[in-house]
Amino acid sequence: MSSSSAATQRYALSFTTGGLLATEASVVATVYLRGHDWAATRTQVREANLLQSRVASSTMRVLGALMPRLQLLSEAELQIVVDGTSTERGHLMWAAACRRYDLIGEFAEEVLRERFLTLVDTVSYADYDSFYRAKAMWHDELDGVTDLSYRKLRQVLFRMMGEAGLLNAKRAIEPALLSARVAECLTERTPSDIRFFPTRMA
């Protein structure tokens, strides 16, 4: 994103519920692919408690975070979320998070992938802090985030990278071994969403 466009488009910062939500995504995508109706999917998942939440409000919070991400996946990608391996599912849900939240996508491209390509093998909280401060120069909404929310956003982002298999417990970068069908889906977009991953694939 250019500086001029970044200055006029506010970041969505509502990604503190859960992490990648990959397991939940498989359940919801399965229901959606049966009828191709997102409203009906939401109703069925909630009424049948398919996410096995103890309270209805938990289901609604998860659906509120998850469904906007799933709606950014193609039909082919949704099918992989349903029947793919856990690695494939993690990669696609990371791509979905990057598409849904520009802050995550820009961090993935400008920090995670860039550090990998320049042979820097870790990503730290300090790297995120520097990235965030730079973005705050163009985004007033970032300055308005409380310290507690700031820490939560950072924590969840790193949790997502871990769940996607892109960082290990020591925050060392793990090269993304994208399957052929996931890579094909990612490259169908312009620019290619492979840019969100630590890989030398173009």
N, C-alpha and C. Protein backbone atom coordinates (compact mmCIF):
# COMPACT_ATOMS: atom_id res chain seq x y z
N MET A 1 0.84 -1.19 0.00
CA MET A 1 0.00 0.00 0.00
C MET A 1 0.87 1.24 0.00
N SER A 2 0.58 2.19 -0.88
CA SER A 2 1.37 3.41 -0.93
C SER A 2 1.04 4.29 0.26
N SER A 3 1.94 5.25 0.52
CA SER A 3 1.72 6.14 1.65
C SER A 3 0.46 6.96 1.47
N SER A 4 0.16 7.38 0.24
CA SER A 4 -1.00 8.21 0.01
C SER A 4 -2.29 7.45 0.26
N SER A 5 -2.36 6.20 -0.22
CA SER A 5 -3.57 5.41 0.01
C SER A 5 -3.68 4.99 1.45
N ALA A 6 -2.52 4.71 2.09
CA ALA A 6 -2.53 4.32 3.48
C ALA A 6 -3.09 5.42 4.35
N ALA A 7 -2.85 6.68 3.93
CA ALA A 7 -3.28 7.81 4.74
C ALA A 7 -4.79 7.97 4.72
N THR A 8 -5.46 7.41 3.72
CA THR A 8 -6.90 7.62 3.59
C THR A 8 -7.71 6.38 3.94
N GLN A 9 -7.08 5.26 4.16
CA GLN A 9 -7.79 4.02 4.45
C GLN A 9 -7.44 3.53 5.84
N ARG A 10 -8.44 3.49 6.71
CA ARG A 10 -8.19 3.10 8.09
C ARG A 10 -7.97 1.59 8.19
N TYR A 11 -7.10 1.21 9.09
CA TYR A 11 -6.88 -0.21 9.34
C TYR A 11 -8.04 -0.79 10.14
N ALA A 12 -8.49 -1.97 9.76
CA ALA A 12 -9.40 -2.74 10.60
C ALA A 12 -8.55 -3.45 11.65
N LEU A 13 -8.94 -3.32 12.90
CA LEU A 13 -8.13 -3.87 14.00
C LEU A 13 -8.92 -4.86 14.84
N SER A 14 -9.90 -5.50 14.23
CA SER A 14 -10.80 -6.38 14.99
C SER A 14 -10.40 -7.84 14.87
N PHE A 15 -9.10 -8.12 15.05
CA PHE A 15 -8.65 -9.51 14.89
C PHE A 15 -8.18 -10.13 16.20
N THR A 16 -8.73 -9.66 17.31
CA THR A 16 -8.26 -10.18 18.60
C THR A 16 -9.03 -11.40 19.09
N THR A 17 -10.06 -11.83 18.37
CA THR A 17 -10.80 -13.03 18.75
C THR A 17 -10.08 -14.26 18.21
N GLY A 18 -9.62 -15.13 19.12
CA GLY A 18 -8.97 -16.36 18.69
C GLY A 18 -7.67 -16.08 17.97
N GLY A 19 -7.31 -16.96 17.06
CA GLY A 19 -6.11 -16.80 16.26
C GLY A 19 -6.50 -16.98 14.80
N LEU A 20 -5.94 -18.00 14.15
CA LEU A 20 -6.31 -18.28 12.77
C LEU A 20 -7.72 -18.83 12.66
N LEU A 21 -8.19 -19.51 13.70
CA LEU A 21 -9.53 -20.14 13.70
C LEU A 21 -9.64 -21.18 12.58
N ALA A 22 -8.55 -21.90 12.35
CA ALA A 22 -8.53 -22.86 11.24
C ALA A 22 -9.48 -24.03 11.45
N THR A 23 -9.55 -24.54 12.66
CA THR A 23 -10.46 -25.66 12.94
C THR A 23 -11.90 -25.22 12.75
N GLU A 24 -12.24 -24.07 13.28
CA GLU A 24 -13.59 -23.54 13.13
C GLU A 24 -13.90 -23.25 11.66
N ALA A 25 -12.89 -22.82 10.92
CA ALA A 25 -13.08 -22.51 9.50
C ALA A 25 -13.52 -23.74 8.72
N SER A 26 -12.95 -24.90 9.06
CA SER A 26 -13.33 -26.12 8.36
C SER A 26 -14.80 -26.45 8.57
N VAL A 27 -15.28 -26.25 9.80
CA VAL A 27 -16.68 -26.51 10.12
C VAL A 27 -17.59 -25.57 9.34
N VAL A 28 -17.29 -24.28 9.40
CA VAL A 28 -18.15 -23.28 8.77
C VAL A 28 -18.11 -23.40 7.26
N ALA A 29 -16.93 -23.63 6.69
CA ALA A 29 -16.82 -23.76 5.24
C ALA A 29 -17.57 -24.98 4.74
N THR A 30 -17.57 -26.05 5.51
CA THR A 30 -18.33 -27.25 5.13
C THR A 30 -19.80 -26.93 4.99
N VAL A 31 -20.34 -26.21 5.96
CA VAL A 31 -21.76 -25.83 5.91
C VAL A 31 -22.01 -24.91 4.71
N TYR A 32 -21.15 -23.94 4.51
CA TYR A 32 -21.36 -23.00 3.41
C TYR A 32 -21.37 -23.70 2.05
N LEU A 33 -20.45 -24.63 1.84
CA LEU A 33 -20.34 -25.26 0.53
C LEU A 33 -21.53 -26.15 0.20
N ARG A 34 -22.34 -26.46 1.20
CA ARG A 34 -23.55 -27.24 0.93
C ARG A 34 -24.64 -26.38 0.30
N GLY A 35 -24.69 -25.11 0.69
CA GLY A 35 -25.79 -24.27 0.20
C GLY A 35 -25.39 -22.94 -0.39
N HIS A 36 -24.12 -22.57 -0.24
CA HIS A 36 -23.61 -21.31 -0.79
C HIS A 36 -24.44 -20.11 -0.37
N ASP A 37 -24.75 -20.07 0.92
CA ASP A 37 -25.52 -18.96 1.49
C ASP A 37 -24.91 -18.63 2.84
N TRP A 38 -24.23 -17.48 2.92
CA TRP A 38 -23.53 -17.14 4.15
C TRP A 38 -24.47 -16.87 5.31
N ALA A 39 -25.60 -16.22 5.04
CA ALA A 39 -26.56 -15.94 6.11
C ALA A 39 -27.11 -17.24 6.69
N ALA A 40 -27.47 -18.17 5.79
CA ALA A 40 -27.99 -19.46 6.24
C ALA A 40 -26.91 -20.25 6.97
N THR A 41 -25.68 -20.10 6.53
CA THR A 41 -24.56 -20.78 7.20
C THR A 41 -24.43 -20.29 8.63
N ARG A 42 -24.46 -18.99 8.81
CA ARG A 42 -24.36 -18.41 10.15
C ARG A 42 -25.48 -18.95 11.06
N THR A 43 -26.68 -18.97 10.52
CA THR A 43 -27.83 -19.44 11.31
C THR A 43 -27.68 -20.90 11.69
N GLN A 44 -27.30 -21.73 10.72
CA GLN A 44 -27.18 -23.16 10.99
C GLN A 44 -26.08 -23.46 12.00
N VAL A 45 -24.94 -22.80 11.84
CA VAL A 45 -23.82 -23.03 12.77
C VAL A 45 -24.22 -22.61 14.18
N ARG A 46 -24.92 -21.49 14.28
CA ARG A 46 -25.32 -20.99 15.59
C ARG A 46 -26.39 -21.89 16.22
N GLU A 47 -27.43 -22.21 15.49
CA GLU A 47 -28.55 -22.96 16.05
C GLU A 47 -28.18 -24.39 16.39
N ALA A 48 -27.30 -24.99 15.60
CA ALA A 48 -26.87 -26.36 15.87
C ALA A 48 -25.65 -26.42 16.76
N ASN A 49 -25.15 -25.27 17.16
CA ASN A 49 -23.94 -25.17 17.99
C ASN A 49 -22.81 -26.03 17.43
N LEU A 50 -22.57 -25.87 16.13
CA LEU A 50 -21.57 -26.70 15.47
C LEU A 50 -20.15 -26.40 15.93
N LEU A 51 -19.96 -25.22 16.50
CA LEU A 51 -18.63 -24.89 17.03
C LEU A 51 -18.47 -25.34 18.47
N GLN A 52 -19.51 -25.94 19.01
CA GLN A 52 -19.49 -26.54 20.36
C GLN A 52 -19.06 -25.53 21.43
N SER A 53 -19.63 -24.34 21.32
CA SER A 53 -19.35 -23.31 22.33
C SER A 53 -20.27 -23.50 23.53
N ARG A 54 -19.76 -23.13 24.69
CA ARG A 54 -20.57 -23.26 25.90
C ARG A 54 -21.68 -22.24 25.97
N VAL A 55 -21.42 -21.07 25.39
CA VAL A 55 -22.43 -20.01 25.40
C VAL A 55 -22.58 -19.46 23.99
N ALA A 56 -23.79 -19.00 23.68
CA ALA A 56 -24.08 -18.52 22.33
C ALA A 56 -23.23 -17.31 21.96
N SER A 57 -22.90 -16.49 22.94
CA SER A 57 -22.13 -15.28 22.64
C SER A 57 -20.74 -15.64 22.11
N SER A 58 -20.18 -16.75 22.58
CA SER A 58 -18.87 -17.18 22.08
C SER A 58 -18.95 -17.55 20.61
N THR A 59 -20.01 -18.27 20.24
CA THR A 59 -20.21 -18.63 18.84
C THR A 59 -20.32 -17.38 17.98
N MET A 60 -21.06 -16.40 18.44
CA MET A 60 -21.24 -15.19 17.67
C MET A 60 -19.95 -14.41 17.51
N ARG A 61 -19.13 -14.39 18.56
CA ARG A 61 -17.84 -13.70 18.45
C ARG A 61 -16.94 -14.39 17.43
N VAL A 62 -16.90 -15.71 17.49
CA VAL A 62 -16.06 -16.45 16.54
C VAL A 62 -16.56 -16.26 15.11
N LEU A 63 -17.86 -16.38 14.92
CA LEU A 63 -18.42 -16.19 13.58
C LEU A 63 -18.18 -14.78 13.07
N GLY A 64 -18.27 -13.81 13.97
CA GLY A 64 -18.04 -12.43 13.58
C GLY A 64 -16.62 -12.20 13.10
N ALA A 65 -15.67 -12.93 13.69
CA ALA A 65 -14.27 -12.81 13.28
C ALA A 65 -13.97 -13.67 12.07
N LEU A 66 -14.59 -14.84 12.00
CA LEU A 66 -14.23 -15.84 10.99
C LEU A 66 -14.89 -15.62 9.64
N MET A 67 -16.17 -15.33 9.63
CA MET A 67 -16.89 -15.31 8.35
C MET A 67 -16.38 -14.24 7.38
N PRO A 68 -16.03 -13.04 7.84
CA PRO A 68 -15.47 -12.08 6.88
C PRO A 68 -14.18 -12.56 6.24
N ARG A 69 -13.42 -13.38 6.95
CA ARG A 69 -12.20 -13.94 6.36
C ARG A 69 -12.55 -15.01 5.33
N LEU A 70 -13.45 -15.91 5.70
CA LEU A 70 -13.84 -16.98 4.77
C LEU A 70 -14.45 -16.43 3.49
N GLN A 71 -15.16 -15.32 3.60
CA GLN A 71 -15.80 -14.73 2.42
C GLN A 71 -14.79 -14.17 1.43
N LEU A 72 -13.54 -14.06 1.85
CA LEU A 72 -12.48 -13.58 0.96
C LEU A 72 -11.74 -14.72 0.28
N LEU A 73 -12.13 -15.96 0.58
CA LEU A 73 -11.52 -17.12 -0.06
C LEU A 73 -12.34 -17.53 -1.27
N SER A 74 -11.67 -18.03 -2.29
CA SER A 74 -12.35 -18.52 -3.48
C SER A 74 -13.02 -19.86 -3.17
N GLU A 75 -13.84 -20.30 -4.10
CA GLU A 75 -14.49 -21.62 -3.96
C GLU A 75 -13.45 -22.73 -3.82
N ALA A 76 -12.41 -22.66 -4.64
CA ALA A 76 -11.36 -23.68 -4.58
C ALA A 76 -10.64 -23.64 -3.24
N GLU A 77 -10.40 -22.44 -2.74
CA GLU A 77 -9.73 -22.30 -1.45
C GLU A 77 -10.60 -22.82 -0.31
N LEU A 78 -11.88 -22.53 -0.37
CA LEU A 78 -12.79 -23.04 0.66
C LEU A 78 -12.82 -24.56 0.66
N GLN A 79 -12.77 -25.15 -0.51
CA GLN A 79 -12.77 -26.61 -0.59
C GLN A 79 -11.52 -27.19 0.04
N ILE A 80 -10.37 -26.51 -0.13
CA ILE A 80 -9.14 -26.98 0.50
C ILE A 80 -9.22 -26.81 2.01
N VAL A 81 -9.85 -25.74 2.47
CA VAL A 81 -10.06 -25.56 3.91
C VAL A 81 -10.84 -26.74 4.48
N VAL A 82 -11.78 -27.25 3.71
CA VAL A 82 -12.61 -28.37 4.17
C VAL A 82 -11.87 -29.69 4.11
N ASP A 83 -11.22 -30.00 2.98
CA ASP A 83 -10.67 -31.35 2.80
C ASP A 83 -9.15 -31.41 2.75
N GLY A 84 -8.48 -30.26 2.96
CA GLY A 84 -7.03 -30.24 2.88
C GLY A 84 -6.35 -30.68 4.16
N THR A 85 -5.04 -30.68 4.13
CA THR A 85 -4.28 -31.01 5.33
C THR A 85 -4.32 -29.83 6.30
N SER A 86 -3.90 -30.07 7.51
CA SER A 86 -3.88 -28.99 8.50
C SER A 86 -2.90 -27.89 8.06
N THR A 87 -1.82 -28.28 7.40
CA THR A 87 -0.87 -27.29 6.90
C THR A 87 -1.50 -26.42 5.83
N GLU A 88 -2.18 -27.03 4.88
CA GLU A 88 -2.85 -26.27 3.83
C GLU A 88 -3.90 -25.34 4.41
N ARG A 89 -4.66 -25.86 5.36
CA ARG A 89 -5.70 -25.05 6.00
C ARG A 89 -5.08 -23.85 6.71
N GLY A 90 -3.97 -24.08 7.42
CA GLY A 90 -3.30 -23.00 8.11
C GLY A 90 -2.79 -21.94 7.16
N HIS A 91 -2.23 -22.37 6.03
CA HIS A 91 -1.72 -21.42 5.05
C HIS A 91 -2.85 -20.58 4.46
N LEU A 92 -3.96 -21.19 4.15
CA LEU A 92 -5.06 -20.44 3.55
C LEU A 92 -5.73 -19.51 4.55
N MET A 93 -5.80 -19.93 5.80
CA MET A 93 -6.40 -19.04 6.80
C MET A 93 -5.46 -17.89 7.13
N TRP A 94 -4.17 -18.08 6.99
CA TRP A 94 -3.23 -16.97 7.12
C TRP A 94 -3.43 -16.00 5.95
N ALA A 95 -3.56 -16.53 4.74
CA ALA A 95 -3.83 -15.67 3.58
C ALA A 95 -5.13 -14.91 3.77
N ALA A 96 -6.15 -15.57 4.31
CA ALA A 96 -7.44 -14.91 4.54
C ALA A 96 -7.30 -13.77 5.53
N ALA A 97 -6.53 -13.99 6.59
CA ALA A 97 -6.31 -12.94 7.59
C ALA A 97 -5.56 -11.76 6.96
N CYS A 98 -4.60 -12.06 6.10
CA CYS A 98 -3.84 -11.00 5.43
C CYS A 98 -4.73 -10.20 4.48
N ARG A 99 -5.66 -10.86 3.82
CA ARG A 99 -6.58 -10.16 2.92
C ARG A 99 -7.57 -9.30 3.71
N ARG A 100 -8.02 -9.83 4.83
CA ARG A 100 -9.04 -9.13 5.62
C ARG A 100 -8.47 -7.93 6.36
N TYR A 101 -7.25 -8.08 6.86
CA TYR A 101 -6.66 -7.03 7.70
C TYR A 101 -5.38 -6.52 7.05
N ASP A 102 -5.42 -5.31 6.54
CA ASP A 102 -4.25 -4.75 5.86
C ASP A 102 -3.04 -4.68 6.77
N LEU A 103 -3.26 -4.43 8.07
CA LEU A 103 -2.12 -4.35 8.99
C LEU A 103 -1.37 -5.68 9.02
N ILE A 104 -2.11 -6.78 9.05
CA ILE A 104 -1.48 -8.10 9.05
C ILE A 104 -0.81 -8.37 7.71
N GLY A 105 -1.52 -8.08 6.62
CA GLY A 105 -0.95 -8.33 5.30
C GLY A 105 0.32 -7.55 5.05
N GLU A 106 0.34 -6.30 5.48
CA GLU A 106 1.54 -5.49 5.28
C GLU A 106 2.69 -5.96 6.16
N PHE A 107 2.37 -6.39 7.37
CA PHE A 107 3.41 -6.95 8.23
C PHE A 107 3.98 -8.23 7.61
N ALA A 108 3.10 -9.06 7.08
CA ALA A 108 3.54 -10.32 6.46
C ALA A 108 4.48 -10.05 5.30
N GLU A 109 4.13 -9.07 4.48
CA GLU A 109 4.92 -8.79 3.28
C GLU A 109 6.18 -7.99 3.60
N GLU A 110 6.04 -6.97 4.43
CA GLU A 110 7.14 -6.03 4.65
C GLU A 110 8.12 -6.47 5.74
N VAL A 111 7.67 -7.32 6.64
CA VAL A 111 8.54 -7.75 7.74
C VAL A 111 8.84 -9.25 7.65
N LEU A 112 7.80 -10.08 7.74
CA LEU A 112 8.01 -11.53 7.77
C LEU A 112 8.71 -12.03 6.50
N ARG A 113 8.13 -11.75 5.35
CA ARG A 113 8.73 -12.23 4.09
C ARG A 113 10.05 -11.53 3.81
N GLU A 114 10.13 -10.24 4.05
CA GLU A 114 11.35 -9.50 3.75
C GLU A 114 12.51 -10.00 4.59
N ARG A 115 12.26 -10.27 5.87
CA ARG A 115 13.34 -10.78 6.71
C ARG A 115 13.79 -12.16 6.24
N PHE A 116 12.84 -12.98 5.83
CA PHE A 116 13.20 -14.30 5.31
C PHE A 116 14.06 -14.17 4.05
N LEU A 117 13.66 -13.30 3.14
CA LEU A 117 14.39 -13.16 1.87
C LEU A 117 15.77 -12.56 2.06
N THR A 118 15.94 -11.79 3.13
CA THR A 118 17.25 -11.19 3.40
C THR A 118 18.06 -12.01 4.41
N LEU A 119 17.61 -13.25 4.61
CA LEU A 119 18.34 -14.23 5.42
C LEU A 119 18.41 -13.86 6.91
N VAL A 120 17.42 -13.09 7.36
CA VAL A 120 17.27 -12.85 8.80
C VAL A 120 16.28 -13.89 9.30
N ASP A 121 16.67 -14.68 10.28
CA ASP A 121 15.89 -15.89 10.56
C ASP A 121 14.89 -15.76 11.71
N THR A 122 14.70 -14.57 12.24
CA THR A 122 13.73 -14.40 13.32
C THR A 122 12.86 -13.17 13.10
N VAL A 123 11.71 -13.18 13.77
CA VAL A 123 10.84 -12.00 13.85
C VAL A 123 10.51 -11.80 15.32
N SER A 124 10.73 -10.60 15.82
CA SER A 124 10.55 -10.32 17.24
C SER A 124 9.45 -9.30 17.48
N TYR A 125 9.08 -9.18 18.74
CA TYR A 125 8.14 -8.12 19.13
C TYR A 125 8.72 -6.75 18.76
N ALA A 126 10.02 -6.59 18.90
CA ALA A 126 10.65 -5.31 18.56
C ALA A 126 10.47 -4.98 17.09
N ASP A 127 10.51 -6.00 16.23
CA ASP A 127 10.28 -5.78 14.80
C ASP A 127 8.86 -5.29 14.56
N TYR A 128 7.93 -5.89 15.27
CA TYR A 128 6.53 -5.46 15.16
C TYR A 128 6.38 -4.03 15.66
N ASP A 129 7.01 -3.72 16.78
CA ASP A 129 6.91 -2.38 17.35
C ASP A 129 7.42 -1.32 16.37
N SER A 130 8.54 -1.60 15.72
CA SER A 130 9.09 -0.66 14.74
C SER A 130 8.15 -0.51 13.55
N PHE A 131 7.63 -1.63 13.07
CA PHE A 131 6.67 -1.62 11.97
C PHE A 131 5.44 -0.78 12.34
N TYR A 132 4.91 -1.01 13.53
CA TYR A 132 3.70 -0.32 13.99
C TYR A 132 3.95 1.19 14.08
N ARG A 133 5.08 1.58 14.62
CA ARG A 133 5.38 3.01 14.75
C ARG A 133 5.46 3.67 13.38
N ALA A 134 6.04 2.98 12.42
CA ALA A 134 6.13 3.53 11.07
C ALA A 134 4.75 3.70 10.45
N LYS A 135 3.88 2.71 10.65
CA LYS A 135 2.53 2.80 10.10
C LYS A 135 1.71 3.89 10.80
N ALA A 136 1.98 4.11 12.07
CA ALA A 136 1.23 5.11 12.84
C ALA A 136 1.47 6.52 12.31
N MET A 137 2.56 6.73 11.58
CA MET A 137 2.82 8.04 10.99
C MET A 137 1.75 8.39 9.97
N TRP A 138 1.12 7.37 9.38
CA TRP A 138 0.11 7.59 8.35
C TRP A 138 -1.29 7.22 8.82
N HIS A 139 -1.39 6.60 9.98
CA HIS A 139 -2.68 6.09 10.46
C HIS A 139 -2.94 6.58 11.89
N ASP A 140 -3.75 7.61 12.00
CA ASP A 140 -4.05 8.15 13.31
C ASP A 140 -4.73 7.14 14.22
N GLU A 141 -5.48 6.19 13.62
CA GLU A 141 -6.20 5.21 14.44
C GLU A 141 -5.25 4.33 15.24
N LEU A 142 -4.03 4.16 14.76
CA LEU A 142 -3.06 3.36 15.50
C LEU A 142 -2.59 4.07 16.76
N ASP A 143 -2.51 5.38 16.70
CA ASP A 143 -2.11 6.14 17.89
C ASP A 143 -3.17 6.08 18.98
N GLY A 144 -4.42 5.84 18.57
CA GLY A 144 -5.51 5.82 19.53
C GLY A 144 -5.71 4.49 20.23
N VAL A 145 -4.92 3.49 19.88
CA VAL A 145 -5.05 2.17 20.49
C VAL A 145 -4.47 2.19 21.91
N THR A 146 -5.20 1.63 22.85
CA THR A 146 -4.70 1.59 24.23
C THR A 146 -3.53 0.62 24.34
N ASP A 147 -2.75 0.76 25.39
CA ASP A 147 -1.61 -0.14 25.60
C ASP A 147 -2.07 -1.59 25.68
N LEU A 148 -3.18 -1.82 26.36
CA LEU A 148 -3.69 -3.18 26.49
C LEU A 148 -4.08 -3.76 25.14
N SER A 149 -4.79 -2.97 24.33
CA SER A 149 -5.20 -3.43 23.01
C SER A 149 -4.00 -3.63 22.10
N TYR A 150 -3.02 -2.75 22.23
CA TYR A 150 -1.79 -2.87 21.44
C TYR A 150 -1.12 -4.20 21.71
N ARG A 151 -0.98 -4.53 22.97
CA ARG A 151 -0.32 -5.79 23.32
C ARG A 151 -1.14 -6.98 22.85
N LYS A 152 -2.46 -6.87 22.90
CA LYS A 152 -3.32 -7.96 22.46
C LYS A 152 -3.21 -8.17 20.96
N LEU A 153 -3.22 -7.07 20.20
CA LEU A 153 -3.08 -7.17 18.75
C LEU A 153 -1.76 -7.85 18.38
N ARG A 154 -0.69 -7.44 19.04
CA ARG A 154 0.63 -8.01 18.76
C ARG A 154 0.66 -9.49 19.13
N GLN A 155 0.10 -9.81 20.29
CA GLN A 155 0.08 -11.20 20.75
C GLN A 155 -0.69 -12.09 19.77
N VAL A 156 -1.84 -11.64 19.33
CA VAL A 156 -2.67 -12.44 18.43
C VAL A 156 -2.00 -12.60 17.07
N LEU A 157 -1.37 -11.54 16.57
CA LEU A 157 -0.67 -11.65 15.29
C LEU A 157 0.43 -12.71 15.35
N PHE A 158 1.22 -12.69 16.42
CA PHE A 158 2.28 -13.69 16.54
C PHE A 158 1.69 -15.08 16.74
N ARG A 159 0.57 -15.16 17.44
CA ARG A 159 -0.10 -16.46 17.60
C ARG A 159 -0.54 -16.99 16.23
N MET A 160 -1.08 -16.11 15.39
CA MET A 160 -1.50 -16.52 14.05
C MET A 160 -0.32 -17.06 13.25
N MET A 161 0.81 -16.36 13.29
CA MET A 161 1.98 -16.83 12.54
C MET A 161 2.43 -18.19 13.04
N GLY A 162 2.36 -18.40 14.34
CA GLY A 162 2.71 -19.70 14.89
C GLY A 162 1.75 -20.78 14.44
N GLU A 163 0.45 -20.49 14.50
CA GLU A 163 -0.55 -21.49 14.11
C GLU A 163 -0.48 -21.80 12.62
N ALA A 164 -0.02 -20.84 11.83
CA ALA A 164 0.13 -21.06 10.39
C ALA A 164 1.42 -21.80 10.06
N GLY A 165 2.25 -22.06 11.07
CA GLY A 165 3.51 -22.76 10.86
C GLY A 165 4.60 -21.90 10.27
N LEU A 166 4.47 -20.57 10.43
CA LEU A 166 5.43 -19.64 9.84
C LEU A 166 6.48 -19.18 10.85
N LEU A 167 6.19 -19.35 12.13
CA LEU A 167 7.14 -19.06 13.21
C LEU A 167 7.12 -20.21 14.19
N ASN A 168 8.28 -20.55 14.75
CA ASN A 168 8.29 -21.57 15.79
C ASN A 168 8.21 -20.91 17.17
N ALA A 169 8.30 -21.70 18.21
CA ALA A 169 8.12 -21.18 19.56
C ALA A 169 9.19 -20.17 19.94
N LYS A 170 10.34 -20.22 19.28
CA LYS A 170 11.42 -19.27 19.56
C LYS A 170 11.38 -18.08 18.60
N ARG A 171 10.29 -17.98 17.84
CA ARG A 171 10.07 -16.90 16.88
C ARG A 171 11.07 -16.91 15.74
N ALA A 172 11.57 -18.10 15.45
CA ALA A 172 12.39 -18.28 14.26
C ALA A 172 11.46 -18.52 13.08
N ILE A 173 11.79 -17.94 11.94
CA ILE A 173 10.95 -18.06 10.76
C ILE A 173 11.05 -19.47 10.19
N GLU A 174 9.89 -20.06 9.92
CA GLU A 174 9.82 -21.38 9.29
C GLU A 174 9.41 -21.19 7.83
N PRO A 175 10.23 -21.59 6.88
CA PRO A 175 9.86 -21.43 5.47
C PRO A 175 8.52 -22.09 5.18
N ALA A 176 7.69 -21.40 4.42
CA ALA A 176 6.37 -21.94 4.08
C ALA A 176 6.51 -22.91 2.92
N LEU A 177 6.17 -24.16 3.18
CA LEU A 177 6.19 -25.18 2.13
C LEU A 177 4.78 -25.30 1.57
N LEU A 178 4.47 -24.45 0.61
CA LEU A 178 3.12 -24.39 0.06
C LEU A 178 2.87 -25.57 -0.87
N SER A 179 1.72 -26.21 -0.70
CA SER A 179 1.36 -27.28 -1.61
C SER A 179 1.07 -26.70 -2.99
N ALA A 180 1.11 -27.54 -4.01
CA ALA A 180 0.90 -27.06 -5.38
C ALA A 180 -0.47 -26.41 -5.53
N ARG A 181 -1.50 -27.01 -4.92
CA ARG A 181 -2.84 -26.45 -5.12
C ARG A 181 -3.05 -25.16 -4.33
N VAL A 182 -2.43 -25.05 -3.17
CA VAL A 182 -2.52 -23.79 -2.43
C VAL A 182 -1.76 -22.70 -3.18
N ALA A 183 -0.56 -23.01 -3.66
CA ALA A 183 0.22 -22.03 -4.42
C ALA A 183 -0.54 -21.58 -5.66
N GLU A 184 -1.21 -22.50 -6.32
CA GLU A 184 -1.97 -22.15 -7.51
C GLU A 184 -3.09 -21.16 -7.17
N CYS A 185 -3.78 -21.41 -6.07
CA CYS A 185 -4.84 -20.50 -5.64
C CYS A 185 -4.28 -19.12 -5.32
N LEU A 186 -3.17 -19.09 -4.61
CA LEU A 186 -2.59 -17.81 -4.19
C LEU A 186 -2.10 -16.99 -5.38
N THR A 187 -1.58 -17.66 -6.41
CA THR A 187 -1.05 -16.95 -7.57
C THR A 187 -2.14 -16.49 -8.53
N GLU A 188 -3.37 -16.93 -8.31
CA GLU A 188 -4.46 -16.47 -9.17
C GLU A 188 -4.83 -15.02 -8.87
N ARG A 189 -4.40 -14.52 -7.72
CA ARG A 189 -4.69 -13.14 -7.35
C ARG A 189 -3.56 -12.23 -7.84
N THR A 190 -3.92 -10.96 -8.09
CA THR A 190 -2.94 -9.98 -8.54
C THR A 190 -2.93 -8.80 -7.58
N PRO A 191 -1.80 -8.53 -6.90
CA PRO A 191 -0.56 -9.32 -6.96
C PRO A 191 -0.72 -10.65 -6.25
N SER A 192 0.19 -11.56 -6.50
CA SER A 192 0.11 -12.89 -5.92
C SER A 192 0.16 -12.84 -4.40
N ASP A 193 -0.71 -13.60 -3.77
CA ASP A 193 -0.74 -13.63 -2.31
C ASP A 193 0.38 -14.48 -1.72
N ILE A 194 1.23 -15.01 -2.55
CA ILE A 194 2.43 -15.67 -2.04
C ILE A 194 3.32 -14.65 -1.33
N ARG A 195 3.07 -13.37 -1.61
CA ARG A 195 3.85 -12.31 -0.95
C ARG A 195 3.67 -12.30 0.56
N PHE A 196 2.65 -12.97 1.06
CA PHE A 196 2.39 -13.00 2.50
C PHE A 196 3.19 -14.09 3.22
N PHE A 197 3.97 -14.86 2.50
CA PHE A 197 4.61 -16.05 3.08
C PHE A 197 6.13 -15.98 3.00
N PRO A 198 6.81 -16.55 4.01
CA PRO A 198 8.27 -16.67 3.95
C PRO A 198 8.66 -17.81 3.02
N THR A 199 8.79 -17.50 1.76
CA THR A 199 9.13 -18.49 0.75
C THR A 199 9.82 -17.78 -0.40
N ARG A 200 10.62 -18.50 -1.16
CA ARG A 200 11.28 -17.89 -2.31
C ARG A 200 10.47 -18.10 -3.57
N MET A 201 9.31 -18.70 -3.45
CA MET A 201 8.41 -18.79 -4.60
C MET A 201 7.99 -17.39 -5.01
N ALA A 202 7.83 -17.17 -6.29
CA ALA A 202 7.42 -15.84 -6.78
C ALA A 202 5.92 -15.67 -6.67
